[in-house]
């Protein structure tokens, strides 16, 4: 079962889907005094970082 979970996580990373659980672990370990984003805000932040950089061109 662990293999399937690792494979799924690897696939998500390959297609650019960040891990909210990994983000929460990182925040708890390294920034315990900062309130982490909720899952929706995290997803929007990662989408903006990936696609919304500004100055990009479609065509």
Protein backbone atom coordinates (compact mmCIF):
# COMPACT_ATOMS: atom_id res chain seq x y z
CA UNK A 1 0.00 0.00 0.00
CA UNK A 2 2.87 2.36 0.74
CA UNK A 3 4.14 1.90 -2.82
CA UNK A 4 0.82 3.08 -4.23
CA UNK A 5 0.83 6.17 -2.02
CA UNK A 6 4.41 7.01 -3.04
CA UNK A 7 3.58 6.47 -6.70
CA UNK A 8 0.51 8.71 -6.42
CA UNK A 9 2.52 11.45 -4.71
CA UNK A 10 5.25 11.21 -7.37
CA UNK A 11 2.65 11.46 -10.13
CA UNK A 12 1.06 14.54 -8.54
CA UNK A 13 4.46 16.21 -8.32
CA UNK A 14 5.23 15.35 -11.96
CA UNK A 15 2.07 17.07 -13.14
CA UNK A 16 2.58 20.03 -10.83
CA UNK A 17 0.11 19.38 -8.03
CA UNK A 18 1.73 20.45 -4.77
CA UNK A 19 1.16 18.55 -1.53
CA UNK A 20 -0.87 20.39 1.09
CA UNK A 21 0.14 17.81 3.71
CA UNK A 22 3.84 18.44 2.97
CA UNK A 23 3.21 22.19 3.23
CA UNK A 24 1.53 21.75 6.63
CA UNK A 25 4.43 19.59 7.87
CA UNK A 26 6.92 22.20 6.67
CA UNK A 27 5.02 25.03 8.36
CA UNK A 28 4.72 23.12 11.64
CA UNK A 29 8.41 22.17 11.63
CA UNK A 30 10.00 25.42 10.50
CA UNK A 31 7.45 28.18 11.11
CA UNK A 32 5.39 27.16 14.17
CA UNK A 33 4.53 30.79 14.96
CA UNK A 34 2.91 31.45 11.55
CA UNK A 35 -0.68 30.44 10.81
CA UNK A 36 -0.65 28.24 7.68
CA UNK A 37 -2.94 28.88 4.73
CA UNK A 38 -6.07 26.77 4.49
CA UNK A 39 -6.23 24.23 1.67
CA UNK A 40 -8.14 26.49 -0.73
CA UNK A 41 -5.77 29.43 -0.20
CA UNK A 42 -2.78 27.10 -0.62
CA UNK A 43 -4.13 25.77 -3.92
CA UNK A 44 -4.81 29.29 -5.23
CA UNK A 45 -1.35 30.45 -4.14
CA UNK A 46 0.34 27.56 -5.96
CA UNK A 47 -1.78 28.15 -9.09
CA UNK A 48 -0.89 31.84 -9.08
CA UNK A 49 2.80 31.02 -8.63
CA UNK A 50 2.71 28.57 -11.52
CA UNK A 51 0.41 30.21 -14.06
CA UNK A 52 -0.25 33.81 -13.09
CA UNK A 53 3.21 35.31 -13.25
CA UNK A 54 2.16 38.25 -15.40
CA UNK A 55 3.98 39.31 -18.51
CA UNK A 56 3.46 35.90 -20.06
CA UNK A 57 1.97 35.51 -23.48
CA UNK A 58 -0.59 33.06 -24.69
CA UNK A 59 0.33 33.25 -28.38
